[in-house]
Protein backbone atom coordinates (compact mmCIF):
# COMPACT_ATOMS: atom_id res chain seq x y z
CA MET A 1 -41.05 13.35 58.42
CA ASN A 2 -44.48 14.81 58.79
CA ALA A 3 -47.99 12.96 58.28
CA ASN A 4 -48.89 15.48 55.40
CA ALA A 5 -45.13 14.39 53.50
CA TRP A 6 -47.16 12.48 51.22
CA ARG A 7 -49.07 15.10 49.52
CA SER A 8 -45.76 16.71 48.58
CA VAL A 9 -44.59 13.24 46.97
CA VAL A 10 -48.22 13.15 45.26
CA ALA A 11 -47.81 16.79 44.11
CA ALA A 12 -44.25 15.73 42.76
CA LEU A 13 -45.12 12.50 41.17
CA ALA A 14 -48.73 14.55 39.70
CA ASP A 15 -46.38 16.63 37.08
CA GLU A 16 -45.43 15.51 33.99
CA ARG A 17 -42.25 16.77 34.12
CA ALA A 18 -40.87 16.13 37.38
CA ARG A 19 -42.03 12.14 36.71
CA ARG A 20 -39.72 12.21 33.34
CA VAL A 21 -36.83 13.30 35.61
CA TYR A 22 -37.44 11.39 38.33
CA ALA A 23 -38.22 8.47 36.21
CA ARG A 24 -34.63 9.54 34.68
CA ALA A 25 -33.01 9.32 38.00
CA VAL A 26 -34.80 5.96 39.12
CA LEU A 27 -33.26 3.58 36.16
CA GLY A 28 -30.06 5.29 36.69
CA GLU A 29 -29.84 7.81 33.63
CA GLY A 30 -29.04 11.30 33.09
CA VAL A 31 -31.18 13.91 33.92
CA GLU A 32 -29.81 16.62 32.34
CA ALA A 33 -30.90 15.87 28.78
CA GLU A 34 -34.18 15.77 29.89
CA LEU A 35 -34.06 19.00 32.04
CA GLU A 36 -32.51 20.23 28.68
CA THR A 37 -35.80 20.50 27.27
CA MET A 38 -37.76 22.72 29.80
CA SER A 39 -37.22 26.62 30.74
CA PRO A 40 -34.40 27.23 32.89
CA GLY A 41 -37.25 28.68 35.08
CA ALA A 42 -38.96 25.38 34.77
CA ALA A 43 -35.80 23.39 35.33
CA ARG A 44 -35.13 24.46 38.30
CA ARG A 45 -38.63 24.39 39.73
CA VAL A 46 -38.80 20.81 38.63
CA VAL A 47 -36.04 19.96 40.86
CA GLN A 48 -36.65 21.98 43.60
CA THR A 49 -40.46 20.19 43.43
CA LEU A 50 -38.34 16.85 43.96
CA THR A 51 -36.24 17.69 46.25
CA LYS A 52 -38.33 19.60 48.69
CA ALA A 53 -40.56 16.13 48.29
CA GLY A 54 -36.97 14.01 49.42
CA LEU A 55 -37.78 12.29 46.18
CA VAL A 56 -33.97 13.36 44.77
CA VAL A 57 -31.08 14.04 46.21
CA ARG A 58 -28.02 16.37 44.66
CA ILE A 59 -24.88 14.54 44.28
CA ASP A 60 -21.19 15.70 43.97
CA ASP A 61 -21.48 16.00 40.07
CA GLY A 62 -24.75 18.24 40.29
CA GLY A 63 -26.69 15.88 38.82
CA LEU A 64 -29.80 13.91 40.89
CA ARG A 65 -29.94 10.70 42.07
CA GLU A 66 -33.28 9.07 43.80
CA THR A 67 -33.43 8.88 47.43
CA ASP A 68 -34.04 4.92 48.27
CA ASP A 69 -36.48 5.36 51.53
CA VAL A 70 -38.47 8.15 50.23
CA PHE A 71 -41.46 6.28 50.19
CA ALA A 72 -40.97 3.96 52.97
CA ALA A 73 -40.89 7.05 55.51
CA VAL A 74 -43.70 8.42 54.02
CA LEU A 75 -45.74 5.35 54.62
CA ALA A 76 -43.88 4.99 58.48
CA ALA A 77 -45.42 9.00 58.87
CA ALA A 78 -49.02 8.30 57.82
CA PRO A 79 -50.85 8.12 60.40
CA VAL A 80 -52.41 4.49 60.53
CA ALA A 81 -56.41 4.21 61.21
CA SER A 82 -57.54 2.31 64.35
CA GLN A 83 -59.51 -0.54 63.79
CA PRO A 84 -62.73 -1.37 65.81
CA THR A 85 -62.57 -4.14 68.55
CA GLY A 86 -65.27 -6.38 70.21
CA VAL A 87 -68.98 -5.66 68.53
CA ASP A 88 -67.84 -2.83 67.44
CA ARG A 89 -66.17 -4.63 64.07
CA PHE A 90 -69.48 -5.44 63.26
CA PHE A 91 -71.29 -2.20 63.19
CA VAL A 92 -70.88 0.76 60.85
CA ASP A 93 -72.30 4.06 62.02
CA GLY A 94 -74.35 1.82 64.86
CA ARG A 95 -75.83 -0.19 61.89
CA LEU A 96 -74.69 -4.26 61.91
CA THR A 97 -73.04 -4.84 58.50
CA VAL A 98 -72.10 -8.51 59.24
CA TYR A 99 -73.51 -11.03 60.52
CA PRO A 100 -70.58 -12.87 62.64
CA ALA A 101 -69.97 -15.92 62.06
CA ARG A 102 -68.64 -16.92 65.87
CA ALA A 103 -71.15 -18.35 67.94
CA ALA A 104 -69.27 -16.26 70.97
CA ASP A 105 -69.18 -13.05 67.97
CA ARG A 106 -72.81 -13.57 67.96
CA ASP A 107 -73.77 -13.78 71.21
CA ALA A 108 -72.20 -10.47 71.92
CA VAL A 109 -73.61 -8.63 69.02
CA LEU A 110 -77.58 -9.70 70.30
CA ALA A 111 -76.55 -8.80 73.46
CA HIS A 112 -74.84 -5.52 72.07
CA VAL A 113 -78.17 -5.17 69.84
CA ALA A 114 -80.87 -6.45 72.95
CA ASP A 115 -79.23 -4.00 75.04
CA ARG A 116 -79.87 -0.73 72.39
CA VAL A 117 -83.61 -1.75 71.73
CA ILE A 118 -85.11 -2.54 75.25
CA ALA A 119 -83.65 -1.48 78.37
CA ALA A 120 -84.13 -4.10 80.97
CA ASP A 121 -87.15 -2.75 83.15
CA GLU A 122 -89.24 -2.11 79.77
CA SER A 123 -91.99 -3.93 77.66
CA ILE A 124 -92.86 -2.64 74.57
CA ASP A 125 -95.24 -3.90 71.78
CA GLU A 126 -94.26 -5.25 67.99
CA ARG A 127 -94.18 -2.13 66.67
CA ALA A 128 -92.30 -0.43 68.83
CA VAL A 129 -88.94 -3.15 68.66
CA ASN A 130 -89.79 -3.19 64.46
CA GLU A 131 -88.83 0.77 64.38
CA ARG A 132 -86.01 -0.02 66.88
CA LEU A 133 -84.10 -2.65 64.78
CA ALA A 134 -84.80 -1.42 62.29
CA HIS A 135 -82.57 1.36 62.74
CA ILE A 136 -79.84 -1.22 63.59
CA THR A 137 -80.48 -3.61 60.62
CA ASP A 138 -82.40 -4.26 57.45
CA ASP A 139 -84.00 -7.69 58.44
CA VAL A 140 -86.14 -6.41 61.47
CA ALA A 141 -88.22 -9.99 61.49
CA ALA A 142 -84.65 -11.86 62.03
CA MET A 143 -83.02 -10.23 63.79
CA ARG A 144 -86.19 -10.27 66.38
CA ARG A 145 -86.39 -13.74 66.42
CA TYR A 146 -82.62 -14.62 67.15
CA LEU A 147 -83.07 -11.96 70.05
CA VAL A 148 -85.77 -14.67 71.28
CA ASP A 149 -84.02 -17.55 70.47
CA ALA A 150 -81.05 -16.44 72.27
CA GLY A 151 -83.17 -15.65 75.30
CA LEU A 152 -82.37 -12.17 75.37
CA LEU A 153 -86.19 -11.11 74.64
CA VAL A 154 -89.38 -12.84 75.92
CA ARG A 155 -92.42 -12.33 74.00
CA SER A 156 -95.73 -12.35 75.99
CA ARG A 157 -98.03 -16.00 74.62
CA ASP A 158 -99.74 -13.83 72.14
CA GLY A 159 -96.94 -12.57 70.85
CA HIS A 160 -97.29 -8.55 71.12
CA VAL A 161 -95.74 -7.47 73.85
CA TYR A 162 -91.83 -7.66 73.88
CA ALA A 163 -89.59 -7.57 77.55
CA ARG A 164 -85.75 -8.08 78.35
CA ALA A 165 -85.35 -11.27 79.91
CA ALA A 166 -84.52 -11.44 83.52
């Protein structure tokens, strides 16, 4: 089964007539009564749609029976989105979305932010630090304090110039 198999299943179940026929097959009722309410062409298309989607199979007497594993197979074939790891799990599109609760995670996030804000051999004023932090977090002042308190940034005595700690 391919990764887009879910599309045919959803498309089949989006059709009300196909959904009614499928419901009867799932309940073990005969689907013939439902198919007889349709034109021969519509009934043929409904059966073809449900069969092609893998929702039903023809049985020996010409009727339809639901397939047991179609949903499990579709889910197994669907691609799984990879989950971010490390500090990336706290950022979305480069912005900090969650400040970590664990100390080790906080330290890693702060080191990552410090690397993004100021180069090792750079000295910049507070306005520049704030502008750079604004691209990463909404609470610029708190993040600046966290970086200084963690010893990742050092501030001049007058508080106007910041640099990376040695």
